[in-house]
Amino acid sequence: MWEKRSDMVVYDVEPFNAEPPPGALLDHITPLDTFYGRNHGPIPRIDAGNWRLRVDGLVDRPLELSMDDLRHRFPQRTVVATLQCAGNRRADLMRFRDIPGQQPWGPGATSTARWSGVSLAKVLAEAGLQGHAAHIAFTGADVSQEADPPQPFGASIPTAKATSEEVLLAWAMNDQALPTAHGAPLRVVVPGWIGARSVKWLQRITAQAQPTDNYFQTGYSVLPPEADPHNTEPGEGITLGPITIHCAILQPEYGAQVPAGPTHVTGFALAGDDRTVARVDVSGDGGSTWIRADLDAPENPWTWQHWRATLTLPAGGTELVARAWDSTAAVQPESPATVWNPRGYANTSWARLYVTCHR
């Protein structure tokens, strides 16, 4: 299925939604067959030879670009960046309180790749971006039935982010041609922001004064706990953009049985936006005592950082907990109760899992 590994946890066949098991995410670069998939409509197959990218809106020189134009008219750039679904670790929120109609994503809706393409800023400069263009909107070719009426998936980001050098129009992933399942022939990659802003199967870029009115722009927002996610007013939620500091435990996995005594615990932390992870603390007794984990240095501000620690666990059931701090000294909230919301987005609470230790 879309050339993915056989042990992917598949939530939907179409639209394709799947994550790898947590233990598959220990490499700094995620293999193509392991990278998670999150979609709202059927995956389109596009003929790259006939495909064109339209750049319009508040620009002096509207463009229509082929893949050859992109490859030969602009300098190529490569950025290593982590993408993450806004619903990552939703399962932890659902253990606190159910979220009907949503997939119970674990920590695997996060992956890192080496993306290659051209800088979005260069393309916008070629088009003559006008000074009052405050937002850059993207439209993909994938059509979703979730919107009424159905519409292509779309998103927008502020111009200040769009013109940052790390934002790419990518045609390659891990030094290979971008797979169909990940947006071929061209996708946006917006490092440090939720994955929903990195629009796949890109067809159009529009410079405009306001954020896009696409259904999925405000659909990816955190609503108040009492809100009805199927009947919301404009502005009721907080529209999601930059990722907020959080971490996940990858090994051992939830519910695992492990020997009592010294136990190796590993995971990742991601700060989001242009921040880095400064510290990860780990506990083997539900948060009563903590040790500081060994933390990998960041390759850049837009990638995850893996961490590891050895805990001495007693026989019986115990709760492992991890919490992360970012370079601004922001720390994760303790309880899922503080961040629970009816769409299950942006779970930044401490990572928790239960294991049973045997002698």
Protein backbone atom coordinates (compact mmCIF):
# COMPACT_ATOMS: atom_id res chain seq x y z
CA MET A 1 0.00 0.00 0.00
CA TRP A 2 1.78 3.10 -1.35
CA GLU A 3 5.09 1.20 -0.92
CA LYS A 4 4.92 1.40 2.88
CA ARG A 5 6.28 -1.15 5.34
CA SER A 6 3.96 -4.00 6.25
CA ASP A 7 3.64 -3.07 9.94
CA MET A 8 2.25 0.42 9.38
CA VAL A 9 -0.78 1.17 11.55
CA VAL A 10 -3.39 1.97 8.89
CA TYR A 11 -6.39 4.01 10.04
CA ASP A 12 -7.93 4.59 6.60
CA VAL A 13 -7.18 3.03 3.21
CA GLU A 14 -8.75 5.96 1.34
CA PRO A 15 -7.98 8.62 2.14
CA PHE A 16 -4.73 6.95 3.15
CA ASN A 17 -3.86 7.60 6.79
CA ALA A 18 -1.16 5.55 8.48
CA GLU A 19 1.73 5.78 10.93
CA PRO A 20 4.70 3.51 11.61
CA PRO A 21 5.18 1.71 14.93
CA PRO A 22 7.04 3.97 17.40
CA GLY A 23 10.21 1.87 17.38
CA ALA A 24 10.64 2.53 13.65
CA LEU A 25 11.38 6.21 14.27
CA LEU A 26 14.80 5.91 15.90
CA ASP A 27 16.75 7.00 12.80
CA HIS A 28 17.47 10.68 12.29
CA ILE A 29 16.19 10.45 8.69
CA THR A 30 12.96 8.48 8.26
CA PRO A 31 13.01 5.98 5.36
CA LEU A 32 10.41 6.59 2.65
CA ASP A 33 8.57 3.37 3.45
CA THR A 34 8.26 4.44 7.10
CA PHE A 35 7.23 8.10 6.72
CA TYR A 36 3.67 8.64 7.96
CA GLY A 37 0.77 9.47 5.63
CA ARG A 38 -2.01 11.95 6.43
CA ASN A 39 -4.63 12.81 3.80
CA HIS A 40 -8.14 14.20 3.52
CA GLY A 41 -8.94 12.95 0.05
CA PRO A 42 -7.85 10.30 -2.47
CA ILE A 43 -4.20 10.53 -3.51
CA PRO A 44 -4.07 11.99 -7.05
CA ARG A 45 -1.71 10.73 -9.74
CA ILE A 46 -0.39 13.65 -11.76
CA ASP A 47 1.44 13.62 -15.09
CA ALA A 48 4.54 15.68 -14.32
CA GLY A 49 5.08 16.45 -18.01
CA ASN A 50 1.75 18.25 -18.36
CA TRP A 51 1.69 19.69 -14.84
CA ARG A 52 2.06 23.44 -14.34
CA LEU A 53 2.37 25.57 -11.21
CA ARG A 54 0.44 28.83 -11.23
CA VAL A 55 1.71 31.77 -9.14
CA ASP A 56 -0.75 34.66 -8.97
CA GLY A 57 -2.56 37.13 -6.73
CA LEU A 58 -0.72 40.15 -5.36
CA VAL A 59 2.30 39.81 -7.65
CA ASP A 60 3.59 42.01 -10.45
CA ARG A 61 4.33 39.12 -12.82
CA PRO A 62 2.01 36.09 -12.59
CA LEU A 63 3.88 32.89 -13.45
CA GLU A 64 3.08 29.52 -14.96
CA LEU A 65 5.98 27.15 -14.31
CA SER A 66 6.75 23.63 -15.47
CA MET A 67 9.01 21.26 -13.58
CA ASP A 68 11.79 22.07 -16.05
CA ASP A 69 11.31 25.78 -15.32
CA LEU A 70 11.65 25.18 -11.60
CA ARG A 71 14.72 22.99 -11.99
CA HIS A 72 16.61 25.29 -14.36
CA ARG A 73 15.52 28.84 -13.48
CA PHE A 74 16.09 28.67 -9.73
CA PRO A 75 18.97 27.41 -7.56
CA GLN A 76 18.32 24.05 -5.91
CA ARG A 77 18.24 23.88 -2.12
CA THR A 78 18.09 20.98 0.37
CA VAL A 79 16.69 21.20 3.91
CA VAL A 80 16.36 18.46 6.52
CA ALA A 81 13.02 19.02 8.25
CA THR A 82 10.59 17.15 10.47
CA LEU A 83 6.91 17.13 9.53
CA GLN A 84 4.25 16.34 12.08
CA CYS A 85 0.50 15.89 11.90
CA ALA A 86 -1.40 18.22 14.24
CA GLY A 87 -3.18 15.11 15.54
CA ASN A 88 0.03 13.41 16.65
CA ARG A 89 -0.40 11.67 20.05
CA ARG A 90 -4.16 12.16 19.92
CA ALA A 91 -4.51 8.69 21.44
CA ASP A 92 -3.16 10.10 24.71
CA LEU A 93 -5.91 12.72 24.74
CA MET A 94 -8.51 10.05 23.95
CA ARG A 95 -7.42 8.04 27.00
CA PHE A 96 -8.35 11.07 29.07
CA ARG A 97 -11.64 11.74 27.23
CA ASP A 98 -12.98 10.28 24.00
CA ILE A 99 -12.87 12.21 20.73
CA PRO A 100 -15.46 10.60 18.42
CA GLY A 101 -14.79 10.40 14.70
CA GLN A 102 -11.03 11.02 14.93
CA GLN A 103 -8.13 8.65 14.31
CA PRO A 104 -6.24 7.65 17.48
CA TRP A 105 -2.81 8.71 16.25
CA GLY A 106 0.13 7.62 18.38
CA PRO A 107 3.56 9.30 18.29
CA GLY A 108 4.28 8.02 14.75
CA ALA A 109 2.56 10.86 12.86
CA THR A 110 5.97 12.53 12.91
CA SER A 111 8.81 11.89 10.46
CA THR A 112 11.95 13.57 9.17
CA ALA A 113 13.23 13.74 5.59
CA ARG A 114 15.86 15.41 3.48
CA TRP A 115 13.81 17.64 1.16
CA SER A 116 15.19 19.08 -2.09
CA GLY A 117 13.71 21.62 -4.44
CA VAL A 118 13.70 25.40 -4.72
CA SER A 119 13.19 28.13 -2.18
CA LEU A 120 9.63 29.47 -2.20
CA ALA A 121 11.11 32.91 -1.55
CA LYS A 122 13.00 32.77 -4.88
CA VAL A 123 9.83 31.94 -6.80
CA LEU A 124 7.88 34.71 -5.08
CA ALA A 125 10.67 37.18 -5.86
CA GLU A 126 10.58 36.15 -9.53
CA ALA A 127 6.84 36.84 -9.54
CA GLY A 128 7.37 40.28 -8.01
CA LEU A 129 5.66 39.85 -4.64
CA GLN A 130 3.85 43.05 -3.72
CA GLY A 131 4.44 44.72 -0.36
CA HIS A 132 0.85 44.38 0.87
CA ALA A 133 0.77 40.61 0.30
CA ALA A 134 0.53 39.46 3.93
CA HIS A 135 -0.25 35.77 3.29
CA ILE A 136 0.76 33.13 0.77
CA ALA A 137 -1.92 30.53 -0.02
CA PHE A 138 -1.38 27.05 -1.47
CA THR A 139 -3.84 24.86 -3.32
CA GLY A 140 -3.33 21.14 -3.92
CA ALA A 141 -4.87 18.73 -6.41
CA ASP A 142 -6.37 16.41 -3.78
CA VAL A 143 -10.12 16.97 -3.38
CA SER A 144 -11.73 16.31 -0.01
CA GLN A 145 -15.33 15.36 0.68
CA GLU A 146 -14.99 16.70 4.22
CA ALA A 147 -15.68 20.21 2.96
CA ASP A 148 -19.20 21.13 1.84
CA PRO A 149 -19.12 21.45 -1.10
CA PRO A 150 -16.00 19.31 -1.71
CA GLN A 151 -12.86 21.31 -2.41
CA PRO A 152 -9.13 20.84 -2.94
CA PHE A 153 -6.97 20.83 0.16
CA GLY A 154 -5.41 24.21 0.83
CA ALA A 155 -3.61 26.29 3.42
CA SER A 156 -1.80 29.58 3.84
CA ILE A 157 1.11 30.92 5.86
CA PRO A 158 2.17 34.50 6.62
CA THR A 159 4.47 36.09 4.08
CA ALA A 160 7.18 36.48 6.72
CA LYS A 161 7.37 32.68 7.02
CA ALA A 162 6.88 32.04 3.30
CA THR A 163 9.90 34.20 2.44
CA SER A 164 12.16 32.47 4.98
CA GLU A 165 14.87 30.52 3.21
CA GLU A 166 13.91 27.16 4.75
CA VAL A 167 10.44 26.98 3.11
CA LEU A 168 10.72 24.84 -0.01
CA LEU A 169 8.86 23.77 -3.09
CA ALA A 170 10.15 20.21 -3.00
CA TRP A 171 10.40 17.61 -5.77
CA ALA A 172 12.74 15.19 -3.98
CA MET A 173 12.66 13.37 -0.65
CA ASN A 174 15.69 11.59 0.82
CA ASP A 175 17.56 12.14 -2.47
CA GLN A 176 14.88 10.30 -4.46
CA ALA A 177 12.04 11.58 -6.61
CA LEU A 178 9.14 12.70 -4.44
CA PRO A 179 6.77 9.70 -4.09
CA THR A 180 3.20 9.99 -5.31
CA ALA A 181 1.95 9.39 -1.77
CA HIS A 182 3.90 12.40 -0.52
CA GLY A 183 2.85 14.96 -3.10
CA ALA A 184 4.53 14.34 -6.46
CA PRO A 185 5.39 16.13 -8.60
CA LEU A 186 5.71 19.10 -6.19
CA ARG A 187 4.78 19.92 -2.63
CA VAL A 188 5.35 22.68 -0.12
CA VAL A 189 7.55 22.00 2.91
CA VAL A 190 7.05 24.48 5.77
CA PRO A 191 9.61 23.51 8.45
CA GLY A 192 8.59 24.06 12.07
CA TRP A 193 4.87 24.28 11.29
CA ILE A 194 2.13 21.66 11.45
CA GLY A 195 2.15 19.27 8.52
CA ALA A 196 -1.20 20.53 7.22
CA ARG A 197 0.51 23.71 5.99
CA SER A 198 2.92 21.70 3.81
CA VAL A 199 0.42 21.25 0.98
CA LYS A 200 1.00 18.26 -1.32
CA TRP A 201 0.31 17.90 -5.08
CA LEU A 202 0.75 21.65 -5.36
CA GLN A 203 -1.06 23.40 -8.21
CA ARG A 204 -1.34 27.05 -7.24
CA ILE A 205 0.36 29.67 -5.08
CA THR A 206 -1.59 32.87 -4.43
CA ALA A 207 -0.30 35.99 -2.70
CA GLN A 208 -3.11 37.73 -0.84
CA ALA A 209 -3.91 40.22 1.90
CA GLN A 210 -5.78 37.75 4.13
CA PRO A 211 -5.36 34.08 5.08
CA THR A 212 -6.98 31.61 2.71
CA ASP A 213 -10.66 30.81 3.20
CA ASN A 214 -9.98 27.15 2.42
CA TYR A 215 -11.93 24.82 4.70
CA PHE A 216 -8.76 23.25 6.10
CA GLN A 217 -7.11 26.51 7.12
CA THR A 218 -9.42 27.04 10.08
CA GLY A 219 -10.31 23.33 10.22
CA TYR A 220 -6.87 22.86 11.74
CA SER A 221 -7.56 24.87 14.87
CA VAL A 222 -7.83 24.19 18.59
CA LEU A 223 -11.40 24.68 19.79
CA PRO A 224 -12.53 25.29 23.37
CA PRO A 225 -13.35 22.02 25.20
CA GLU A 226 -17.08 22.75 25.18
CA ALA A 227 -17.28 23.53 21.44
CA ASP A 228 -19.09 21.35 18.88
CA PRO A 229 -16.45 20.63 16.20
CA HIS A 230 -19.22 20.17 13.59
CA ASN A 231 -20.85 23.53 14.29
CA THR A 232 -18.34 26.30 14.92
CA GLU A 233 -18.29 30.02 14.29
CA PRO A 234 -15.45 31.79 12.47
CA GLY A 235 -12.74 32.74 14.91
CA GLU A 236 -13.94 30.35 17.60
CA GLY A 237 -10.75 28.29 17.47
CA ILE A 238 -7.04 29.10 17.52
CA THR A 239 -5.70 28.45 14.02
CA LEU A 240 -2.61 26.25 14.18
CA GLY A 241 0.72 27.22 12.67
CA PRO A 242 4.05 26.74 14.44
CA ILE A 243 4.51 23.49 16.35
CA THR A 244 4.78 23.77 20.15
CA ILE A 245 7.39 21.99 22.29
CA HIS A 246 6.62 18.35 23.02
CA CYS A 247 8.20 14.91 23.15
CA ALA A 248 7.31 11.24 22.74
CA ILE A 249 8.58 7.93 24.08
CA LEU A 250 9.43 5.49 21.29
CA GLN A 251 10.86 2.53 23.22
CA PRO A 252 9.59 0.68 25.14
CA GLU A 253 6.13 0.85 23.61
CA TYR A 254 2.86 1.35 25.45
CA GLY A 255 1.87 -1.76 27.42
CA ALA A 256 5.21 -3.53 26.88
CA GLN A 257 6.54 -6.15 29.28
CA VAL A 258 10.17 -5.53 30.18
CA PRO A 259 12.62 -7.03 32.71
CA ALA A 260 12.83 -5.23 36.05
CA GLY A 261 16.05 -3.35 36.65
CA PRO A 262 17.96 -1.06 34.26
CA THR A 263 15.73 -0.25 31.27
CA HIS A 264 16.75 1.75 28.20
CA VAL A 265 14.17 4.41 27.28
CA THR A 266 14.36 6.37 24.02
CA GLY A 267 12.28 8.98 22.28
CA PHE A 268 12.28 12.22 20.34
CA ALA A 269 11.51 15.83 21.15
CA LEU A 270 10.54 18.62 18.74
CA ALA A 271 10.50 22.30 19.60
CA GLY A 272 8.80 23.70 16.48
CA ASP A 273 9.05 26.99 14.60
CA ASP A 274 12.71 28.08 14.76
CA ARG A 275 13.36 26.90 18.32
CA THR A 276 15.41 23.93 19.51
CA VAL A 277 15.01 21.44 22.36
CA ALA A 278 17.12 22.41 25.38
CA ARG A 279 16.40 19.56 27.80
CA VAL A 280 14.42 16.35 28.26
CA ASP A 281 13.60 14.91 31.70
CA VAL A 282 12.51 11.29 32.15
CA SER A 283 10.81 9.56 35.08
CA GLY A 284 10.27 5.88 35.83
CA ASP A 285 7.79 6.43 38.67
CA GLY A 286 5.03 8.57 37.18
CA GLY A 287 6.83 11.86 37.74
CA SER A 288 7.86 11.56 41.40
CA THR A 289 11.56 11.59 40.52
CA TRP A 290 13.37 12.60 37.34
CA ILE A 291 16.68 12.16 35.54
CA ARG A 292 18.00 14.22 32.67
CA ALA A 293 18.15 12.36 29.36
CA ASP A 294 21.04 12.44 26.91
CA LEU A 295 19.86 14.65 24.06
CA ASP A 296 21.13 14.77 20.46
CA ALA A 297 22.22 18.16 19.19
CA PRO A 298 19.88 19.64 16.55
CA GLU A 299 20.95 19.53 12.91
CA ASN A 300 18.97 22.74 12.47
CA PRO A 301 15.98 24.36 14.23
CA TRP A 302 13.48 22.38 12.14
CA THR A 303 14.33 18.78 13.03
CA TRP A 304 13.51 16.50 15.90
CA GLN A 305 16.13 15.61 18.49
CA HIS A 306 16.36 12.06 19.78
CA TRP A 307 17.01 11.40 23.45
CA ARG A 308 17.84 8.38 25.63
CA ALA A 309 18.03 7.48 29.30
CA THR A 310 18.44 4.40 31.50
CA LEU A 311 15.89 3.98 34.28
CA THR A 312 15.97 1.38 37.04
CA LEU A 313 12.42 0.00 37.17
CA PRO A 314 10.91 -2.11 39.96
CA ALA A 315 8.86 -5.25 39.37
CA GLY A 316 5.20 -4.66 38.62
CA GLY A 317 3.38 -1.96 36.67
CA THR A 318 4.87 1.51 36.35
CA GLU A 319 4.34 4.70 34.39
CA LEU A 320 7.14 6.18 32.29
CA VAL A 321 6.98 9.93 31.78
CA ALA A 322 8.99 12.37 29.68
CA ARG A 323 8.86 16.15 29.41
CA ALA A 324 10.80 18.57 27.22
CA TRP A 325 11.96 22.18 27.48
CA ASP A 326 12.73 24.38 24.48
CA SER A 327 15.35 27.09 23.91
CA THR A 328 12.94 29.77 25.22
CA ALA A 329 12.51 27.78 28.51
CA ALA A 330 8.94 26.78 27.60
CA VAL A 331 8.02 23.38 29.03
CA GLN A 332 5.24 20.92 28.26
CA PRO A 333 2.09 21.01 30.41
CA GLU A 334 1.76 18.12 32.82
CA SER A 335 -1.71 16.81 32.11
CA PRO A 336 -3.73 16.05 28.95
CA ALA A 337 -6.65 17.65 30.80
CA THR A 338 -5.07 21.06 30.20
CA VAL A 339 -4.84 20.65 26.42
CA TRP A 340 -7.79 18.36 25.59
CA ASN A 341 -9.89 19.73 22.74
CA PRO A 342 -12.72 18.23 20.65
CA ARG A 343 -10.58 17.78 17.54
CA GLY A 344 -7.67 16.28 19.43
CA TYR A 345 -5.02 18.58 18.00
CA ALA A 346 -1.74 19.82 19.47
CA ASN A 347 -1.27 17.38 22.33
CA THR A 348 1.74 18.94 24.03
CA SER A 349 1.25 17.30 27.43
CA TRP A 350 3.92 15.11 29.03
CA ALA A 351 4.52 11.84 27.21
CA ARG A 352 3.25 8.94 29.33
CA LEU A 353 3.12 5.19 28.90
CA TYR A 354 2.59 2.19 31.12
CA VAL A 355 4.82 -0.86 31.16
CA THR A 356 4.91 -4.04 33.23
CA CYS A 357 8.25 -5.10 34.67
CA HIS A 358 8.91 -8.76 35.48
CA ARG A 359 11.78 -10.42 37.33
